[in-house]
Structures are given as C-alpha cells and as structure tokens.
PDB file of N, CA and C in Angstrom:
ATOM      1  N   UNK A   1      88.732  87.047  90.427  1.00  0.00           N
ATOM      2  CA  UNK A   1      88.112  86.110  91.345  1.00  0.00           C
ATOM      3  C   UNK A   1      87.642  84.869  90.607  1.00  0.00           C
ATOM      4  N   UNK A   2      87.107  85.065  89.423  1.00  0.00           N
ATOM      5  CA  UNK A   2      86.629  83.917  88.669  1.00  0.00           C
ATOM      6  C   UNK A   2      87.791  82.983  88.318  1.00  0.00           C
ATOM      7  N   UNK A   3      88.931  83.571  87.959  1.00  0.00           N
ATOM      8  CA  UNK A   3      90.108  82.770  87.651  1.00  0.00           C
ATOM      9  C   UNK A   3      90.570  81.963  88.860  1.00  0.00           C
ATOM     10  N   UNK A   4      90.532  82.578  90.035  1.00  0.00           N
ATOM     11  CA  UNK A   4      90.902  81.873  91.262  1.00  0.00           C
ATOM     12  C   UNK A   4      89.948  80.711  91.510  1.00  0.00           C
ATOM     13  N   UNK A   5      88.646  80.958  91.346  1.00  0.00           N
ATOM     14  CA  UNK A   5      87.649  79.907  91.561  1.00  0.00           C
ATOM     15  C   UNK A   5      87.873  78.733  90.602  1.00  0.00           C
ATOM     16  N   UNK A   6      88.216  79.036  89.352  1.00  0.00           N
ATOM     17  CA  UNK A   6      88.467  77.980  88.367  1.00  0.00           C
ATOM     18  C   UNK A   6      89.685  77.153  88.778  1.00  0.00           C
ATOM     19  N   UNK A   7      90.747  77.846  89.186  1.00  0.00           N
ATOM     20  CA  UNK A   7      91.969  77.142  89.587  1.00  0.00           C
ATOM     21  C   UNK A   7      91.718  76.258  90.806  1.00  0.00           C
ATOM     22  N   UNK A   8      90.990  76.793  91.785  1.00  0.00           N
ATOM     23  CA  UNK A   8      90.672  76.001  92.977  1.00  0.00           C
ATOM     24  C   UNK A   8      89.809  74.793  92.615  1.00  0.00           C
ATOM     25  N   UNK A   9      88.813  75.003  91.770  1.00  0.00           N
ATOM     26  CA  UNK A   9      87.922  73.907  91.378  1.00  0.00           C
ATOM     27  C   UNK A   9      88.695  72.799  90.673  1.00  0.00           C
ATOM     28  N   UNK A  10      89.595  73.169  89.796  1.00  0.00           N
ATOM     29  CA  UNK A  10      90.401  72.150  89.098  1.00  0.00           C
ATOM     30  C   UNK A  10      91.240  71.350  90.087  1.00  0.00           C
ATOM     31  N   UNK A  11      91.841  72.048  91.040  1.00  0.00           N
ATOM     32  CA  UNK A  11      92.653  71.365  92.051  1.00  0.00           C
ATOM     33  C   UNK A  11      91.824  70.446  92.931  1.00  0.00           C
ATOM     34  N   UNK A  12      90.662  70.917  93.341  1.00  0.00           N
ATOM     35  CA  UNK A  12      89.773  70.105  94.188  1.00  0.00           C
ATOM     36  C   UNK A  12      89.309  68.873  93.411  1.00  0.00           C
ATOM     37  N   UNK A  13      88.881  69.080  92.180  1.00  0.00           N
ATOM     38  CA  UNK A  13      88.421  67.950  91.364  1.00  0.00           C
ATOM     39  C   UNK A  13      89.538  66.929  91.143  1.00  0.00           C
ATOM     40  N   UNK A  14      90.734  67.406  90.899  1.00  0.00           N
ATOM     41  CA  UNK A  14      91.864  66.492  90.679  1.00  0.00           C
ATOM     42  C   UNK A  14      92.150  65.694  91.949  1.00  0.00           C
ATOM     43  N   UNK A  15      92.184  66.372  93.084  1.00  0.00           N
ATOM     44  CA  UNK A  15      92.475  65.718  94.359  1.00  0.00           C
ATOM     45  C   UNK A  15      91.417  64.678  94.710  1.00  0.00           C
ATOM     46  N   UNK A  16      90.155  65.005  94.435  1.00  0.00           N
ATOM     47  CA  UNK A  16      89.053  64.107  94.783  1.00  0.00           C
ATOM     48  C   UNK A  16      88.680  63.146  93.667  1.00  0.00           C
ATOM     49  N   UNK A  17      89.450  63.195  92.565  1.00  0.00           N
ATOM     50  CA  UNK A  17      89.195  62.318  91.415  1.00  0.00           C
ATOM     51  C   UNK A  17      87.738  62.415  90.964  1.00  0.00           C
ATOM     52  N   UNK A  18      87.329  63.627  90.719  1.00  0.00           N
ATOM     53  CA  UNK A  18      85.957  63.859  90.288  1.00  0.00           C
ATOM     54  C   UNK A  18      85.930  64.904  89.191  1.00  0.00           C
ATOM     55  N   UNK A  19      84.749  65.139  88.628  1.00  0.00           N
ATOM     56  CA  UNK A  19      84.540  66.169  87.616  1.00  0.00           C
ATOM     57  C   UNK A  19      83.296  66.954  87.982  1.00  0.00           C
ATOM     58  N   UNK A  20      83.185  68.127  87.408  1.00  0.00           N
ATOM     59  CA  UNK A  20      81.955  68.891  87.576  1.00  0.00           C
ATOM     60  C   UNK A  20      82.130  70.160  88.374  1.00  0.00           C
ATOM     61  N   UNK A  21      81.017  70.804  88.605  1.00  0.00           N
ATOM     62  CA  UNK A  21      80.976  72.088  89.295  1.00  0.00           C
ATOM     63  C   UNK A  21      81.359  71.934  90.760  1.00  0.00           C
ATOM     64  N   UNK A  22      82.201  72.840  91.233  1.00  0.00           N
ATOM     65  CA  UNK A  22      82.598  72.847  92.634  1.00  0.00           C
ATOM     66  C   UNK A  22      81.921  74.006  93.353  1.00  0.00           C
ATOM     67  N   UNK A  23      81.928  75.169  92.739  1.00  0.00           N
ATOM     68  CA  UNK A  23      81.342  76.359  93.342  1.00  0.00           C
ATOM     69  C   UNK A  23      80.045  76.700  92.631  1.00  0.00           C
ATOM     70  N   UNK A  24      78.961  76.774  93.380  1.00  0.00           N
ATOM     71  CA  UNK A  24      77.654  77.045  92.789  1.00  0.00           C
ATOM     72  C   UNK A  24      77.528  78.500  92.337  1.00  0.00           C
ATOM     73  N   UNK A  25      78.143  79.404  93.063  1.00  0.00           N
ATOM     74  CA  UNK A  25      78.003  80.829  92.768  1.00  0.00           C
ATOM     75  C   UNK A  25      79.188  81.327  91.966  1.00  0.00           C
ATOM     76  N   UNK A  26      78.929  82.334  91.185  1.00  0.00           N
ATOM     77  CA  UNK A  26      79.999  82.982  90.441  1.00  0.00           C
ATOM     78  C   UNK A  26      80.334  84.298  91.127  1.00  0.00           C
ATOM     79  N   UNK A  27      81.510  84.797  90.848  1.00  0.00           N
ATOM     80  CA  UNK A  27      81.938  86.082  91.399  1.00  0.00           C
ATOM     81  C   UNK A  27      80.984  87.175  90.959  1.00  0.00           C
ATOM     82  N   UNK A  28      80.589  88.018  91.895  1.00  0.00           N
ATOM     83  CA  UNK A  28      79.668  89.112  91.625  1.00  0.00           C
ATOM     84  C   UNK A  28      80.292  90.396  92.149  1.00  0.00           C
ATOM     85  N   UNK A  29      80.295  91.415  91.339  1.00  0.00           N
ATOM     86  CA  UNK A  29      80.880  92.695  91.737  1.00  0.00           C
ATOM     87  C   UNK A  29      79.827  93.784  91.667  1.00  0.00           C
ATOM     88  N   UNK A  30      79.812  94.618  92.694  1.00  0.00           N
ATOM     89  CA  UNK A  30      78.944  95.789  92.698  1.00  0.00           C
ATOM     90  C   UNK A  30      79.731  96.924  93.353  1.00  0.00           C
ATOM     91  N   UNK A  31      79.802  98.051  92.678  1.00  0.00           N
ATOM     92  CA  UNK A  31      80.476  99.219  93.231  1.00  0.00           C
ATOM     93  C   UNK A  31      79.524  99.874  94.224  1.00  0.00           C
ATOM     94  N   UNK A  32      79.990 100.049  95.456  1.00  0.00           N
ATOM     95  CA  UNK A  32      79.173 100.679  96.497  1.00  0.00           C
ATOM     96  C   UNK A  32      79.391 102.180  96.429  1.00  0.00           C
ATOM     97  N   UNK A  33      78.291 102.922  96.268  1.00  0.00           N
ATOM     98  CA  UNK A  33      78.401 104.361  96.037  1.00  0.00           C
ATOM     99  C   UNK A  33      77.797 105.230  97.133  1.00  0.00           C
ATOM    100  N   UNK A  34      77.125 104.640  98.097  1.00  0.00           N
ATOM    101  CA  UNK A  34      76.478 105.452  99.122  1.00  0.00           C
ATOM    102  C   UNK A  34      76.798 104.902 100.515  1.00  0.00           C
ATOM    103  N   UNK A  35      76.702 105.770 101.530  1.00  0.00           N
ATOM    104  CA  UNK A  35      76.924 105.298 102.900  1.00  0.00           C
ATOM    105  C   UNK A  35      75.976 104.159 103.277  1.00  0.00           C
ATOM    106  N   UNK A  36      74.740 104.211 102.820  1.00  0.00           N
ATOM    107  CA  UNK A  36      73.779 103.158 103.153  1.00  0.00           C
ATOM    108  C   UNK A  36      74.195 101.820 102.544  1.00  0.00           C
ATOM    109  N   UNK A  37      74.642 101.828 101.285  1.00  0.00           N
ATOM    110  CA  UNK A  37      75.093 100.589 100.648  1.00  0.00           C
ATOM    111  C   UNK A  37      76.278  99.987 101.407  1.00  0.00           C
ATOM    112  N   UNK A  38      77.215 100.828 101.825  1.00  0.00           N
ATOM    113  CA  UNK A  38      78.391 100.341 102.549  1.00  0.00           C
ATOM    114  C   UNK A  38      77.972  99.795 103.914  1.00  0.00           C
ATOM    115  N   UNK A  39      77.056 100.468 104.593  1.00  0.00           N
ATOM    116  CA  UNK A  39      76.561  99.989 105.879  1.00  0.00           C
ATOM    117  C   UNK A  39      75.933  98.604 105.734  1.00  0.00           C
ATOM    118  N   UNK A  40      75.090  98.422 104.737  1.00  0.00           N
ATOM    119  CA  UNK A  40      74.459  97.118 104.504  1.00  0.00           C
ATOM    120  C   UNK A  40      75.501  96.051 104.167  1.00  0.00           C
ATOM    121  N   UNK A  41      76.495  96.420 103.399  1.00  0.00           N
ATOM    122  CA  UNK A  41      77.547  95.476 103.022  1.00  0.00           C
ATOM    123  C   UNK A  41      78.344  95.043 104.260  1.00  0.00           C
ATOM    124  N   UNK A  42      78.685  95.974 105.130  1.00  0.00           N
ATOM    125  CA  UNK A  42      79.403  95.640 106.354  1.00  0.00           C
ATOM    126  C   UNK A  42      78.574  94.696 107.224  1.00  0.00           C
ATOM    127  N   UNK A  43      77.283  94.976 107.340  1.00  0.00           N
ATOM    128  CA  UNK A  43      76.397  94.094 108.122  1.00  0.00           C
ATOM    129  C   UNK A  43      76.445  92.678 107.562  1.00  0.00           C
ATOM    130  N   UNK A  44      76.369  92.586 106.237  1.00  0.00           N
ATOM    131  CA  UNK A  44      76.355  91.273 105.600  1.00  0.00           C
ATOM    132  C   UNK A  44      77.693  90.549 105.787  1.00  0.00           C
ATOM    133  N   UNK A  45      78.779  91.227 105.508  1.00  0.00           N
ATOM    134  CA  UNK A  45      80.093  90.585 105.560  1.00  0.00           C
ATOM    135  C   UNK A  45      80.457  90.176 106.989  1.00  0.00           C
ATOM    136  N   UNK A  46      80.250  91.060 107.941  1.00  0.00           N
ATOM    137  CA  UNK A  46      80.678  90.790 109.313  1.00  0.00           C
ATOM    138  C   UNK A  46      79.752  89.821 110.053  1.00  0.00           C
ATOM    139  N   UNK A  47      78.482  89.769 109.680  1.00  0.00           N
ATOM    140  CA  UNK A  47      77.534  88.887 110.366  1.00  0.00           C
ATOM    141  C   UNK A  47      77.025  87.783 109.447  1.00  0.00           C
ATOM    142  N   UNK A  48      77.789  87.442 108.433  1.00  0.00           N
ATOM    143  CA  UNK A  48      77.372  86.461 107.447  1.00  0.00           C
ATOM    144  C   UNK A  48      77.067  85.092 108.062  1.00  0.00           C
ATOM    145  N   UNK A  49      77.859  84.650 109.020  1.00  0.00           N
ATOM    146  CA  UNK A  49      77.613  83.334 109.621  1.00  0.00           C
ATOM    147  C   UNK A  49      76.292  83.312 110.387  1.00  0.00           C
ATOM    148  N   UNK A  50      75.900  84.436 110.974  1.00  0.00           N
ATOM    149  CA  UNK A  50      74.595  84.485 111.644  1.00  0.00           C
ATOM    150  C   UNK A  50      73.479  84.212 110.638  1.00  0.00           C
ATOM    151  N   UNK A  51      73.599  84.808 109.476  1.00  0.00           N
ATOM    152  CA  UNK A  51      72.601  84.599 108.424  1.00  0.00           C
ATOM    153  C   UNK A  51      72.562  83.133 107.993  1.00  0.00           C
ATOM    154  N   UNK A  52      73.737  82.548 107.757  1.00  0.00           N
ATOM    155  CA  UNK A  52      73.777  81.170 107.286  1.00  0.00           C
ATOM    156  C   UNK A  52      73.289  80.184 108.347  1.00  0.00           C
ATOM    157  N   UNK A  53      73.613  80.414 109.595  1.00  0.00           N
ATOM    158  CA  UNK A  53      73.112  79.546 110.671  1.00  0.00           C
ATOM    159  C   UNK A  53      71.586  79.596 110.707  1.00  0.00           C
ATOM    160  N   UNK A  54      71.047  80.786 110.563  1.00  0.00           N
ATOM    161  CA  UNK A  54      69.596  80.937 110.577  1.00  0.00           C
ATOM    162  C   UNK A  54      68.966  80.246 109.369  1.00  0.00           C
ATOM    163  N   UNK A  55      69.581  80.390 108.197  1.00  0.00           N
ATOM    164  CA  UNK A  55      69.038  79.771 106.988  1.00  0.00           C
ATOM    165  C   UNK A  55      69.132  78.249 107.033  1.00  0.00           C
ATOM    166  N   UNK A  56      70.225  77.732 107.549  1.00  0.00           N
ATOM    167  CA  UNK A  56      70.417  76.279 107.588  1.00  0.00           C
ATOM    168  C   UNK A  56      69.567  75.610 108.648  1.00  0.00           C
ATOM    169  N   UNK A  57      69.562  76.187 109.816  1.00  0.00           N
ATOM    170  CA  UNK A  57      68.979  75.485 110.956  1.00  0.00           C
ATOM    171  C   UNK A  57      67.908  76.285 111.685  1.00  0.00           C
ATOM    172  N   UNK A  58      67.675  77.515 111.254  1.00  0.00           N
ATOM    173  CA  UNK A  58      66.734  78.357 111.983  1.00  0.00           C
ATOM    174  C   UNK A  58      67.264  78.749 113.349  1.00  0.00           C
ATOM    175  N   UNK A  59      68.575  78.641 113.526  1.00  0.00           N
ATOM    176  CA  UNK A  59      69.195  78.924 114.820  1.00  0.00           C
ATOM    177  C   UNK A  59      69.772  80.327 114.855  1.00  0.00           C
ATOM    178  N   UNK A  60      70.020  80.777 116.051  1.00  0.00           N
ATOM    179  CA  UNK A  60      70.679  82.060 116.252  1.00  0.00           C
ATOM    180  C   UNK A  60      71.985  81.815 116.992  1.00  0.00           C
ATOM    181  N   UNK A  61      72.999  82.566 116.636  1.00  0.00           N
ATOM    182  CA  UNK A  61      74.284  82.478 117.334  1.00  0.00           C
ATOM    183  C   UNK A  61      74.129  83.142 118.698  1.00  0.00           C
ATOM    184  N   UNK A  62      75.003  82.804 119.625  1.00  0.00           N
ATOM    185  CA  UNK A  62      74.960  83.388 120.958  1.00  0.00           C
ATOM    186  C   UNK A  62      75.049  84.911 120.889  1.00  0.00           C
ATOM    187  N   UNK A  63      74.410  85.571 121.842  1.00  0.00           N
ATOM    188  CA  UNK A  63      74.447  87.033 121.910  1.00  0.00           C
ATOM    189  C   UNK A  63      75.894  87.501 122.051  1.00  0.00           C
ATOM    190  N   UNK A  64      76.251  88.481 121.252  1.00  0.00           N
ATOM    191  CA  UNK A  64      77.592  89.052 121.315  1.00  0.00           C
ATOM    192  C   UNK A  64      78.664  88.251 120.603  1.00  0.00           C
ATOM    193  N   UNK A  65      78.283  87.096 120.031  1.00  0.00           N
ATOM    194  CA  UNK A  65      79.257  86.241 119.340  1.00  0.00           C
ATOM    195  C   UNK A  65      79.740  86.927 118.073  1.00  0.00           C
ATOM    196  N   UNK A  66      81.043  86.869 117.846  1.00  0.00           N
ATOM    197  CA  UNK A  66      81.640  87.410 116.625  1.00  0.00           C
ATOM    198  C   UNK A  66      82.372  86.273 115.936  1.00  0.00           C
ATOM    199  N   UNK A  67      82.098  86.095 114.667  1.00  0.00           N
ATOM    200  CA  UNK A  67      82.673  85.017 113.873  1.00  0.00           C
ATOM    201  C   UNK A  67      84.199  85.069 113.961  1.00  0.00           C
ATOM    202  N   UNK A  68      84.830  84.033 114.483  1.00  0.00           N
ATOM    203  CA  UNK A  68      86.291  84.049 114.611  1.00  0.00           C
ATOM    204  C   UNK A  68      87.005  83.972 113.259  1.00  0.00           C
ATOM    205  N   UNK A  69      86.263  83.641 112.196  1.00  0.00           N
ATOM    206  CA  UNK A  69      86.864  83.565 110.865  1.00  0.00           C
ATOM    207  C   UNK A  69      86.667  84.853 110.081  1.00  0.00           C
ATOM    208  N   UNK A  70      86.099  85.862 110.727  1.00  0.00           N
ATOM    209  CA  UNK A  70      85.927  87.166 110.078  1.00  0.00           C
ATOM    210  C   UNK A  70      86.908  88.148 110.704  1.00  0.00           C
ATOM    211  N   UNK A  71      86.909  89.353 110.182  1.00  0.00           N
ATOM    212  CA  UNK A  71      87.758  90.407 110.754  1.00  0.00           C
ATOM    213  C   UNK A  71      86.995  91.178 111.831  1.00  0.00           C
ATOM    214  N   UNK A  72      85.877  90.647 112.291  1.00  0.00           N
ATOM    215  CA  UNK A  72      85.003  91.336 113.241  1.00  0.00           C
ATOM    216  C   UNK A  72      85.660  91.797 114.526  1.00  0.00           C
ATOM    217  N   UNK A  73      86.612  91.037 115.033  1.00  0.00           N
ATOM    218  CA  UNK A  73      87.223  91.467 116.298  1.00  0.00           C
ATOM    219  C   UNK A  73      88.144  92.665 116.120  1.00  0.00           C
ATOM    220  N   UNK A  74      88.461  93.011 114.878  1.00  0.00           N
ATOM    221  CA  UNK A  74      89.271  94.195 114.593  1.00  0.00           C
ATOM    222  C   UNK A  74      88.403  95.384 114.194  1.00  0.00           C
ATOM    223  N   UNK A  75      87.090  95.183 114.109  1.00  0.00           N
ATOM    224  CA  UNK A  75      86.152  96.199 113.632  1.00  0.00           C
ATOM    225  C   UNK A  75      85.763  97.110 114.786  1.00  0.00           C
ATOM    226  N   UNK A  76      85.808  98.426 114.570  1.00  0.00           N
ATOM    227  CA  UNK A  76      85.508  99.368 115.654  1.00  0.00           C
ATOM    228  C   UNK A  76      84.118 100.000 115.521  1.00  0.00           C
ATOM    229  N   UNK A  77      83.262  99.406 114.714  1.00  0.00           N
ATOM    230  CA  UNK A  77      81.948  99.994 114.497  1.00  0.00           C
ATOM    231  C   UNK A  77      80.786  99.150 114.990  1.00  0.00           C
ATOM    232  N   UNK A  78      81.027  98.273 115.978  1.00  0.00           N
ATOM    233  CA  UNK A  78      79.957  97.439 116.529  1.00  0.00           C
ATOM    234  C   UNK A  78      79.081  98.230 117.496  1.00  0.00           C
ATOM    235  N   UNK A  79      77.818  97.923 117.492  1.00  0.00           N
ATOM    236  CA  UNK A  79      76.906  98.408 118.532  1.00  0.00           C
ATOM    237  C   UNK A  79      76.532  97.200 119.377  1.00  0.00           C
ATOM    238  N   UNK A  80      76.762  97.294 120.668  1.00  0.00           N
ATOM    239  CA  UNK A  80      76.388  96.221 121.573  1.00  0.00           C
ATOM    240  C   UNK A  80      77.416  95.117 121.708  1.00  0.00           C
ATOM    241  N   UNK A  81      78.652  95.372 121.334  1.00  0.00           N
ATOM    242  CA  UNK A  81      79.691  94.341 121.445  1.00  0.00           C
ATOM    243  C   UNK A  81      80.705  94.743 122.498  1.00  0.00           C
ATOM    244  N   UNK A  82      81.145  93.759 123.250  1.00  0.00           N
ATOM    245  CA  UNK A  82      82.222  93.964 124.213  1.00  0.00           C
ATOM    246  C   UNK A  82      83.400  93.146 123.710  1.00  0.00           C
ATOM    247  N   UNK A  83      84.297  93.821 123.023  1.00  0.00           N
ATOM    248  CA  UNK A  83      85.414  93.136 122.374  1.00  0.00           C
ATOM    249  C   UNK A  83      86.710  93.508 123.070  1.00  0.00           C
ATOM    250  N   UNK A  84      87.485  92.476 123.379  1.00  0.00           N
ATOM    251  CA  UNK A  84      88.822  92.744 123.904  1.00  0.00           C
ATOM    252  C   UNK A  84      89.680  93.200 122.740  1.00  0.00           C
ATOM    253  N   UNK A  85      90.501  94.183 122.989  1.00  0.00           N
ATOM    254  CA  UNK A  85      91.410  94.654 121.941  1.00  0.00           C
ATOM    255  C   UNK A  85      92.383  93.540 121.592  1.00  0.00           C
ATOM    256  N   UNK A  86      92.655  93.366 120.300  1.00  0.00           N
ATOM    257  CA  UNK A  86      93.646  92.353 119.905  1.00  0.00           C
ATOM    258  C   UNK A  86      95.002  92.672 120.537  1.00  0.00           C
ATOM    259  N   UNK A  87      95.803  91.658 120.797  1.00  0.00           N
ATOM    260  CA  UNK A  87      97.124  91.896 121.387  1.00  0.00           C
ATOM    261  C   UNK A  87      97.931  92.889 120.554  1.00  0.00           C
ATOM    262  N   UNK A  88      98.669  93.724 121.244  1.00  0.00           N
ATOM    263  CA  UNK A  88      99.490  94.711 120.548  1.00  0.00           C
ATOM    264  C   UNK A  88     100.487  94.006 119.639  1.00  0.00           C
ATOM    265  N   UNK A  89     100.607  94.520 118.441  1.00  0.00           N
ATOM    266  CA  UNK A  89     101.534  93.948 117.481  1.00  0.00           C
ATOM    267  C   UNK A  89     100.935  92.837 116.626  1.00  0.00           C
ATOM    268  N   UNK A  90      99.730  92.385 116.959  1.00  0.00           N
ATOM    269  CA  UNK A  90      99.100  91.333 116.143  1.00  0.00           C
ATOM    270  C   UNK A  90      98.730  91.910 114.788  1.00  0.00           C
ATOM    271  N   UNK A  91      99.052  91.171 113.746  1.00  0.00           N
ATOM    272  CA  UNK A  91      98.733  91.625 112.395  1.00  0.00           C
ATOM    273  C   UNK A  91      97.226  91.639 112.171  1.00  0.00           C
ATOM    274  N   UNK A  92      96.759  92.722 111.544  1.00  0.00           N
ATOM    275  CA  UNK A  92      95.347  92.820 111.189  1.00  0.00           C
ATOM    276  C   UNK A  92      95.125  92.023 109.895  1.00  0.00           C
ATOM    277  N   UNK A  93      94.010  91.301 109.798  1.00  0.00           N
ATOM    278  CA  UNK A  93      93.755  90.519 108.587  1.00  0.00           C
ATOM    279  C   UNK A  93      93.258  91.353 107.408  1.00  0.00           C
ATOM    280  N   UNK A  94      92.969  92.613 107.658  1.00  0.00           N
ATOM    281  CA  UNK A  94      92.488  93.496 106.598  1.00  0.00           C
ATOM    282  C   UNK A  94      93.230  94.815 106.642  1.00  0.00           C
ATOM    283  N   UNK A  95      93.269  95.496 105.518  1.00  0.00           N
ATOM    284  CA  UNK A  95      93.917  96.809 105.436  1.00  0.00           C
ATOM    285  C   UNK A  95      92.981  97.867 106.020  1.00  0.00           C
ATOM    286  N   UNK A  96      93.532  98.967 106.518  1.00  0.00           N
ATOM    287  CA  UNK A  96      92.688 100.060 106.998  1.00  0.00           C
ATOM    288  C   UNK A  96      91.853 100.627 105.842  1.00  0.00           C
ATOM    289  N   UNK A  97      90.702 101.180 106.185  1.00  0.00           N
ATOM    290  CA  UNK A  97      89.832 101.770 105.164  1.00  0.00           C
ATOM    291  C   UNK A  97      90.578 102.870 104.423  1.00  0.00           C
ATOM    292  N   UNK A  98      90.410 102.879 103.108  1.00  0.00           N
ATOM    293  CA  UNK A  98      91.113 103.855 102.287  1.00  0.00           C
ATOM    294  C   UNK A  98      90.210 104.896 101.661  1.00  0.00           C
ATOM    295  N   UNK A  99      88.908 104.803 101.914  1.00  0.00           N
ATOM    296  CA  UNK A  99      87.971 105.775 101.348  1.00  0.00           C
ATOM    297  C   UNK A  99      87.104 106.351 102.454  1.00  0.00           C
ATOM    298  N   UNK A 100      86.542 107.518 102.197  1.00  0.00           N
ATOM    299  CA  UNK A 100      85.657 108.148 103.171  1.00  0.00           C
ATOM    300  C   UNK A 100      84.440 107.270 103.448  1.00  0.00           C
ATOM    301  N   UNK A 101      83.867 106.663 102.410  1.00  0.00           N
ATOM    302  CA  UNK A 101      82.679 105.821 102.593  1.00  0.00           C
ATOM    303  C   UNK A 101      82.936 104.699 103.587  1.00  0.00           C
ATOM    304  N   UNK A 102      84.071 104.038 103.469  1.00  0.00           N
ATOM    305  CA  UNK A 102      84.362 102.903 104.339  1.00  0.00           C
ATOM    306  C   UNK A 102      84.916 103.331 105.690  1.00  0.00           C
ATOM    307  N   UNK A 103      85.606 104.447 105.741  1.00  0.00           N
ATOM    308  CA  UNK A 103      86.178 104.920 107.004  1.00  0.00           C
ATOM    309  C   UNK A 103      85.132 105.607 107.884  1.00  0.00           C
ATOM    310  N   UNK A 104      84.284 106.420 107.290  1.00  0.00           N
ATOM    311  CA  UNK A 104      83.351 107.231 108.075  1.00  0.00           C
ATOM    312  C   UNK A 104      81.921 107.262 107.556  1.00  0.00           C
ATOM    313  N   UNK A 105      81.759 107.334 106.248  1.00  0.00           N
ATOM    314  CA  UNK A 105      80.451 107.578 105.658  1.00  0.00           C
ATOM    315  C   UNK A 105      79.357 106.632 106.097  1.00  0.00           C
ATOM    316  N   UNK A 106      79.664 105.340 106.177  1.00  0.00           N
ATOM    317  CA  UNK A 106      78.657 104.343 106.551  1.00  0.00           C
ATOM    318  C   UNK A 106      78.086 104.593 107.939  1.00  0.00           C
ATOM    319  N   UNK A 107      78.860 105.262 108.813  1.00  0.00           N
ATOM    320  CA  UNK A 107      78.419 105.503 110.199  1.00  0.00           C
ATOM    321  C   UNK A 107      77.202 106.426 110.276  1.00  0.00           C
ATOM    322  N   UNK A 108      76.880 107.115 109.203  1.00  0.00           N
ATOM    323  CA  UNK A 108      75.675 107.949 109.166  1.00  0.00           C
ATOM    324  C   UNK A 108      74.415 107.121 109.407  1.00  0.00           C
ATOM    325  N   UNK A 109      74.515 105.834 109.154  1.00  0.00           N
ATOM    326  CA  UNK A 109      73.364 104.939 109.319  1.00  0.00           C
ATOM    327  C   UNK A 109      73.453 104.117 110.595  1.00  0.00           C
ATOM    328  N   UNK A 110      74.318 104.529 111.501  1.00  0.00           N
ATOM    329  CA  UNK A 110      74.426 103.870 112.799  1.00  0.00           C
ATOM    330  C   UNK A 110      75.466 102.767 112.818  1.00  0.00           C
ATOM    331  N   UNK A 111      75.879 102.418 114.031  1.00  0.00           N
ATOM    332  CA  UNK A 111      76.834 101.334 114.199  1.00  0.00           C
ATOM    333  C   UNK A 111      76.166 100.011 113.836  1.00  0.00           C
ATOM    334  N   UNK A 112      76.956  99.004 113.584  1.00  0.00           N
ATOM    335  CA  UNK A 112      76.449  97.699 113.166  1.00  0.00           C
ATOM    336  C   UNK A 112      76.086  96.885 114.410  1.00  0.00           C
ATOM    337  N   UNK A 113      74.821  96.470 114.538  1.00  0.00           N
ATOM    338  CA  UNK A 113      74.443  95.644 115.696  1.00  0.00           C
ATOM    339  C   UNK A 113      75.167  94.301 115.652  1.00  0.00           C
ATOM    340  N   UNK A 114      75.843  93.953 116.728  1.00  0.00           N
ATOM    341  CA  UNK A 114      76.628  92.724 116.756  1.00  0.00           C
ATOM    342  C   UNK A 114      75.755  91.491 116.577  1.00  0.00           C
ATOM    343  N   UNK A 115      74.492  91.551 116.960  1.00  0.00           N
ATOM    344  CA  UNK A 115      73.611  90.395 116.871  1.00  0.00           C
ATOM    345  C   UNK A 115      72.680  90.422 115.664  1.00  0.00           C
ATOM    346  N   UNK A 116      72.905  91.348 114.745  1.00  0.00           N
ATOM    347  CA  UNK A 116      72.041  91.443 113.571  1.00  0.00           C
ATOM    348  C   UNK A 116      72.205  90.224 112.675  1.00  0.00           C
ATOM    349  N   UNK A 117      71.087  89.767 112.136  1.00  0.00           N
ATOM    350  CA  UNK A 117      71.097  88.689 111.147  1.00  0.00           C
ATOM    351  C   UNK A 117      70.830  89.357 109.804  1.00  0.00           C
ATOM    352  N   UNK A 118      71.848  89.466 108.939  1.00  0.00           N
ATOM    353  CA  UNK A 118      71.654  90.155 107.657  1.00  0.00           C
ATOM    354  C   UNK A 118      70.490  89.565 106.865  1.00  0.00           C
ATOM    355  N   UNK A 119      69.636  90.454 106.388  1.00  0.00           N
ATOM    356  CA  UNK A 119      68.504  90.026 105.576  1.00  0.00           C
ATOM    357  C   UNK A 119      67.262  89.703 106.374  1.00  0.00           C
ATOM    358  N   UNK A 120      67.357  89.571 107.687  1.00  0.00           N
ATOM    359  CA  UNK A 120      66.184  89.274 108.514  1.00  0.00           C
ATOM    360  C   UNK A 120      65.314  90.523 108.615  1.00  0.00           C
ATOM    361  N   UNK A 121      64.034  90.340 108.593  1.00  0.00           N
ATOM    362  CA  UNK A 121      63.083  91.469 108.602  1.00  0.00           C
ATOM    363  C   UNK A 121      63.303  92.411 109.786  1.00  0.00           C
ATOM    364  N   UNK A 122      63.618  91.900 110.937  1.00  0.00           N
ATOM    365  CA  UNK A 122      63.744  92.760 112.123  1.00  0.00           C
ATOM    366  C   UNK A 122      64.917  93.727 112.002  1.00  0.00           C
ATOM    367  N   UNK A 123      65.855  93.485 111.089  1.00  0.00           N
ATOM    368  CA  UNK A 123      67.033  94.338 110.938  1.00  0.00           C
ATOM    369  C   UNK A 123      66.853  95.391 109.863  1.00  0.00           C
ATOM    370  N   UNK A 124      65.765  95.390 109.148  1.00  0.00           N
ATOM    371  CA  UNK A 124      65.600  96.290 108.008  1.00  0.00           C
ATOM    372  C   UNK A 124      65.309  97.731 108.421  1.00  0.00           C
ATOM    373  N   UNK A 125      65.035  98.002 109.653  1.00  0.00           N
ATOM    374  CA  UNK A 125      64.711  99.366 110.063  1.00  0.00           C
ATOM    375  C   UNK A 125      65.917 100.283 110.051  1.00  0.00           C
ATOM    376  N   UNK A 126      67.120  99.733 109.999  1.00  0.00           N
ATOM    377  CA  UNK A 126      68.352 100.543 110.047  1.00  0.00           C
ATOM    378  C   UNK A 126      68.802 100.897 108.657  1.00  0.00           C
TER     379      UNK A 126
END
C-alpha cells in the first residue's frame, strides 16, 4: 500500500507541477483477531462517510443512506436498512468473506446499524 501511495503521489505532483506530501496518512495494518474487532472494523469501513460528514460539518447523513462509493449495498449484515437487491449478474465490488470471523463471527455482536456514526459515543454500547 505504501508503494502505491508513493506512485500515486509522484503522478499527482507531476501532473500538478508541484512538490511535497500528497497523502497525510501512512498505510496502517492491524490483524483482526476477534469477532468484536471485525464488527467494529465493518462499522467503520461501511459507515466511514457518516463519520467524516459529522467531523467536517457536524452533519448527519439521511436516515438509511448507504454510501454509494462503498460496498454497503452488497452487505447483508445491516440492521435497519431497506436495500434493494443489486441486479442479477451485477459484479460485486468485493470478494465473498473467506474466514469465519468475516463471514459469521462478527455477527455475535449484532448487525451493523445503517445509521451508526463510527466513533460517536452513542454507538459505543454495541
């Protein structure tokens, strides 16, 4: 990932005729070993835009809104979401879960609330 970020930064800098840092964050890896860790990670990844909207503007996304740039509409673990099934034959943007933790284990901590804002105090009870 770091190599990809470097290559992208060089290309962006060249195109924009500039120098310097492009990406503030560096690649971070953490091996998820428990159902709770995977549940929290799914909440963060799938509802990330809700968190950023709240941090930037103190706003909340519409109830039931799912980020169209995420794989959320293909996710079958939402609580409180009414999602139309993707058209038959449409390619999924992600591979099916290949481990017990990602396929089933995380569900021990409940389905992911569609309106949860990752990191917000009201969501920490799960």
